Amino acid sequence: MKLPDRVYHLAEAANWPSIQHHGLFCASKLLDLAGLTGAERERLERRQRLEHTELPNGVQIRDQRPMLPAALESCLVDLTPAEWYALINTRVFFWLDPDRLNRQRAACEPRPQVVLVIDTAKLVSIYSQQIAVTPINTGNARRRPARRGTATFVPYPTWVESGWTSEAKALGTPERKRSHFPAELTVVEAVPDVMQFVISVCDLSPGQPFTPLDT
């Protein structure tokens, strides 16, 4: 099992100028750059964000409405909901499947979006030690949420070697088949040089789905 040739990052169109100049940053790094501290930082980083938020520097971060605290409490292993939010906020996320991307895109309506089409091999060649893959959509805890925890983020070298074994052992769940395709590819903290991996960029107007050029 290997990763696809391309992975996709869905970004707010309002953030595109910042991405071009500074790269991709996780939510926690964006809070650093915006200078947020104290109670406001705590609210945005370790609690469920119920609303799409514009930071003082104009960069936007999305809501986390599909991750209700009560739902997380029912499925988390060795983590509190606050710790899960903090964990999610330390990673940059890429989709492997355009259909999953389009479901997220629909949730972002009516704001315009930008899709970065990324050369997977080039990204992995530089960031393999910071990359983890997940078997589920970690940002969704609705409808009988899957069991999850720190082990849900399987380091890329571990996944190449042993598939989803580490996830199953840590979470006490049946081991997924090696053919179970990752839902997400994540990079810890940031990809400041992301533009060197970009194959193409697609601007999405409100209501417009993403269609890969090779389909």
Protein backbone atom coordinates (compact mmCIF):
# COMPACT_ATOMS: atom_id res chain seq x y z
CA MET A 1 0.00 0.00 0.00
CA LYS A 2 1.35 3.42 -0.89
CA LEU A 3 0.14 6.97 -0.88
CA PRO A 4 -1.42 8.52 -4.01
CA ASP A 5 0.67 10.70 -6.30
CA ARG A 6 -1.25 13.77 -5.16
CA VAL A 7 -2.75 15.00 -1.90
CA TYR A 8 -4.94 18.06 -1.42
CA HIS A 9 -5.14 20.93 1.04
CA LEU A 10 -8.32 22.99 1.25
CA ALA A 11 -7.65 26.55 2.38
CA GLU A 12 -9.73 29.64 2.94
CA ALA A 13 -9.32 31.93 -0.07
CA ALA A 14 -8.76 34.78 2.40
CA ASN A 15 -5.62 32.98 3.63
CA TRP A 16 -4.12 32.40 0.18
CA PRO A 17 -1.87 35.51 0.15
CA SER A 18 -0.43 34.49 3.52
CA ILE A 19 0.13 30.90 2.33
CA GLN A 20 1.99 32.11 -0.74
CA HIS A 21 4.33 34.24 1.38
CA HIS A 22 4.70 32.17 4.55
CA GLY A 23 3.49 28.62 3.79
CA LEU A 24 1.02 26.45 5.67
CA PHE A 25 0.80 26.59 9.45
CA CYS A 26 -1.25 24.62 11.94
CA ALA A 27 -3.88 26.48 13.97
CA SER A 28 -1.60 26.71 17.02
CA LYS A 29 1.17 28.33 14.98
CA LEU A 30 -1.37 30.73 13.49
CA LEU A 31 -2.36 31.73 17.01
CA ASP A 32 1.33 32.32 17.77
CA LEU A 33 1.70 34.53 14.72
CA ALA A 34 -1.43 36.49 15.67
CA GLY A 35 0.00 37.11 19.14
CA LEU A 36 -2.91 35.54 21.02
CA THR A 37 -2.37 34.53 24.64
CA GLY A 38 -4.34 33.96 27.83
CA ALA A 39 -8.04 33.16 27.93
CA GLU A 40 -8.64 33.89 24.25
CA ARG A 41 -5.81 31.56 23.26
CA GLU A 42 -7.24 28.87 25.57
CA ARG A 43 -10.69 29.25 24.04
CA LEU A 44 -9.48 28.90 20.46
CA GLU A 45 -6.89 26.18 21.03
CA ARG A 46 -8.30 23.86 23.72
CA ARG A 47 -12.07 24.23 23.37
CA GLN A 48 -14.47 23.52 20.55
CA ARG A 49 -14.53 26.44 18.12
CA LEU A 50 -18.18 26.97 17.35
CA GLU A 51 -17.60 29.75 14.84
CA HIS A 52 -15.29 30.52 11.96
CA THR A 53 -12.81 33.05 13.37
CA GLU A 54 -10.73 35.86 11.92
CA LEU A 55 -7.57 36.47 13.92
CA PRO A 56 -6.19 39.97 14.64
CA ASN A 57 -3.73 39.66 11.73
CA GLY A 58 -6.53 38.85 9.26
CA VAL A 59 -5.81 35.12 8.97
CA GLN A 60 -8.86 32.90 9.37
CA ILE A 61 -9.29 29.60 11.25
CA ARG A 62 -12.28 27.34 10.84
CA ASP A 63 -14.92 26.21 13.29
CA GLN A 64 -14.91 22.72 14.82
CA ARG A 65 -18.64 22.12 14.98
CA PRO A 66 -18.41 18.41 14.06
CA MET A 67 -16.31 17.79 17.21
CA LEU A 68 -18.72 18.16 20.14
CA PRO A 69 -17.09 17.66 23.57
CA ALA A 70 -19.71 15.11 24.64
CA ALA A 71 -19.14 13.06 21.49
CA LEU A 72 -15.38 13.15 22.02
CA GLU A 73 -15.75 11.99 25.61
CA SER A 74 -17.47 8.86 24.30
CA CYS A 75 -14.68 7.89 21.91
CA LEU A 76 -11.37 9.26 23.22
CA VAL A 77 -8.70 6.99 24.70
CA ASP A 78 -6.42 8.50 27.37
CA LEU A 79 -7.19 12.07 26.28
CA THR A 80 -9.67 14.74 27.35
CA PRO A 81 -11.60 16.72 24.74
CA ALA A 82 -9.38 19.74 25.53
CA GLU A 83 -6.28 17.65 24.83
CA TRP A 84 -7.80 16.38 21.57
CA TYR A 85 -8.55 19.91 20.37
CA ALA A 86 -4.98 20.89 21.25
CA LEU A 87 -3.62 17.87 19.36
CA ILE A 88 -5.69 18.62 16.25
CA ASN A 89 -4.48 22.22 16.34
CA THR A 90 -0.81 21.17 16.10
CA ARG A 91 -1.14 19.67 12.61
CA VAL A 92 -1.55 20.72 8.99
CA PHE A 93 -4.06 18.49 7.19
CA PHE A 94 -4.17 17.11 3.65
CA TRP A 95 -6.91 15.02 2.06
CA LEU A 96 -6.08 11.99 -0.05
CA ASP A 97 -9.59 11.66 -1.49
CA PRO A 98 -11.24 14.53 -3.44
CA ASP A 99 -14.68 13.32 -2.26
CA ARG A 100 -13.69 13.89 1.37
CA LEU A 101 -12.30 17.30 0.41
CA ASN A 102 -15.60 18.21 -1.22
CA ARG A 103 -17.52 17.26 1.94
CA GLN A 104 -15.34 19.66 3.88
CA ARG A 105 -15.74 22.23 1.14
CA ALA A 106 -19.54 22.00 1.49
CA ALA A 107 -19.21 22.61 5.23
CA CYS A 108 -17.29 25.84 4.48
CA GLU A 109 -20.10 27.40 2.45
CA PRO A 110 -20.50 30.13 1.41
CA ARG A 111 -16.89 31.22 1.81
CA PRO A 112 -14.66 30.87 -1.30
CA GLN A 113 -11.90 28.29 -1.00
CA VAL A 114 -8.58 27.40 -2.61
CA VAL A 115 -7.36 23.85 -3.25
CA LEU A 116 -3.62 23.20 -3.31
CA VAL A 117 -2.75 20.08 -5.30
CA ILE A 118 0.44 18.70 -3.77
CA ASP A 119 3.12 16.38 -5.15
CA THR A 120 3.05 13.66 -2.48
CA ALA A 121 6.47 12.15 -3.19
CA LYS A 122 8.21 15.53 -2.93
CA LEU A 123 6.39 16.37 0.30
CA VAL A 124 7.23 13.00 1.85
CA SER A 125 10.87 13.23 0.78
CA ILE A 126 11.31 16.33 2.95
CA TYR A 127 8.79 15.82 5.75
CA SER A 128 8.62 12.03 6.26
CA GLN A 129 9.59 12.31 9.95
CA GLN A 130 6.87 14.90 10.63
CA ILE A 131 4.14 13.14 8.65
CA ALA A 132 1.45 10.92 10.13
CA VAL A 133 -1.54 9.32 8.43
CA THR A 134 -4.93 8.66 9.97
CA PRO A 135 -7.54 5.99 9.21
CA ILE A 136 -10.45 8.34 9.97
CA ASN A 137 -11.54 11.92 9.56
CA THR A 138 -10.15 13.19 12.86
CA GLY A 139 -12.14 16.41 12.66
CA ASN A 140 -15.52 14.68 12.78
CA ALA A 141 -17.02 13.05 15.86
CA ARG A 142 -20.63 12.78 14.72
CA ARG A 143 -22.71 9.61 14.15
CA ARG A 144 -21.15 6.92 16.34
CA PRO A 145 -17.63 8.38 16.32
CA ALA A 146 -14.70 6.02 15.89
CA ARG A 147 -12.44 5.34 18.85
CA ARG A 148 -9.47 7.70 18.72
CA GLY A 149 -6.44 9.02 20.57
CA THR A 150 -2.83 10.00 20.04
CA ALA A 151 -2.24 6.67 18.28
CA THR A 152 -4.78 7.62 15.60
CA PHE A 153 -1.94 9.64 14.06
CA VAL A 154 0.29 6.86 12.78
CA PRO A 155 3.80 8.08 11.89
CA TYR A 156 4.41 7.64 8.19
CA PRO A 157 7.48 5.34 8.58
CA THR A 158 5.47 3.15 10.99
CA TRP A 159 2.55 2.95 8.57
CA VAL A 160 4.86 1.93 5.72
CA GLU A 161 6.37 -0.81 7.87
CA SER A 162 3.35 -2.20 9.72
CA GLY A 163 0.16 -0.54 8.52
CA TRP A 164 -2.40 0.17 11.27
CA THR A 165 -0.96 -2.25 13.87
CA SER A 166 0.20 0.48 16.26
CA GLU A 167 -3.23 2.16 16.21
CA ALA A 168 -5.03 -1.08 17.06
CA LYS A 169 -2.66 -1.96 19.91
CA ALA A 170 -2.83 1.46 21.54
CA LEU A 171 -6.59 1.94 21.20
CA GLY A 172 -7.65 -1.65 21.86
CA THR A 173 -9.51 -1.92 18.56
CA PRO A 174 -9.51 -4.60 15.83
CA GLU A 175 -6.57 -4.10 13.49
CA ARG A 176 -7.51 -2.55 10.17
CA LYS A 177 -6.41 -4.30 6.99
CA ARG A 178 -3.32 -2.90 5.32
CA SER A 179 -5.59 -2.11 2.36
CA HIS A 180 -7.53 0.36 4.54
CA PHE A 181 -6.70 3.64 2.84
CA PRO A 182 -5.68 6.66 4.96
CA ALA A 183 -8.28 9.38 5.31
CA GLU A 184 -5.79 12.14 6.08
CA LEU A 185 -2.12 12.96 5.77
CA THR A 186 -0.90 15.36 8.44
CA VAL A 187 2.30 17.32 9.04
CA VAL A 188 3.28 18.50 12.52
CA GLU A 189 3.22 22.28 12.97
CA ALA A 190 3.97 23.71 9.51
CA VAL A 191 4.99 23.36 5.89
CA PRO A 192 6.61 26.77 5.36
CA ASP A 193 7.97 25.78 1.94
CA VAL A 194 4.70 24.29 0.70
CA MET A 195 4.81 26.21 -2.59
CA GLN A 196 7.69 24.06 -3.83
CA PHE A 197 5.37 21.02 -3.65
CA VAL A 198 2.34 22.64 -5.32
CA ILE A 199 1.41 21.15 -8.70
CA SER A 200 -1.61 23.37 -9.26
CA VAL A 201 -4.05 25.67 -7.46
CA CYS A 202 -7.81 25.66 -7.94
CA ASP A 203 -10.00 28.59 -6.87
CA LEU A 204 -13.47 27.51 -5.74
CA SER A 205 -16.34 29.97 -5.78
CA PRO A 206 -19.29 29.47 -3.41
CA GLY A 207 -21.14 26.31 -4.40
CA GLN A 208 -18.38 25.06 -6.69
CA PRO A 209 -17.00 21.57 -5.96
CA PHE A 210 -13.41 20.55 -6.64
CA THR A 211 -12.78 18.34 -9.66
CA PRO A 212 -9.24 16.96 -10.12
CA LEU A 213 -7.86 17.63 -13.58
CA ASP A 214 -6.96 13.97 -14.08
CA THR A 215 -10.50 12.67 -13.56
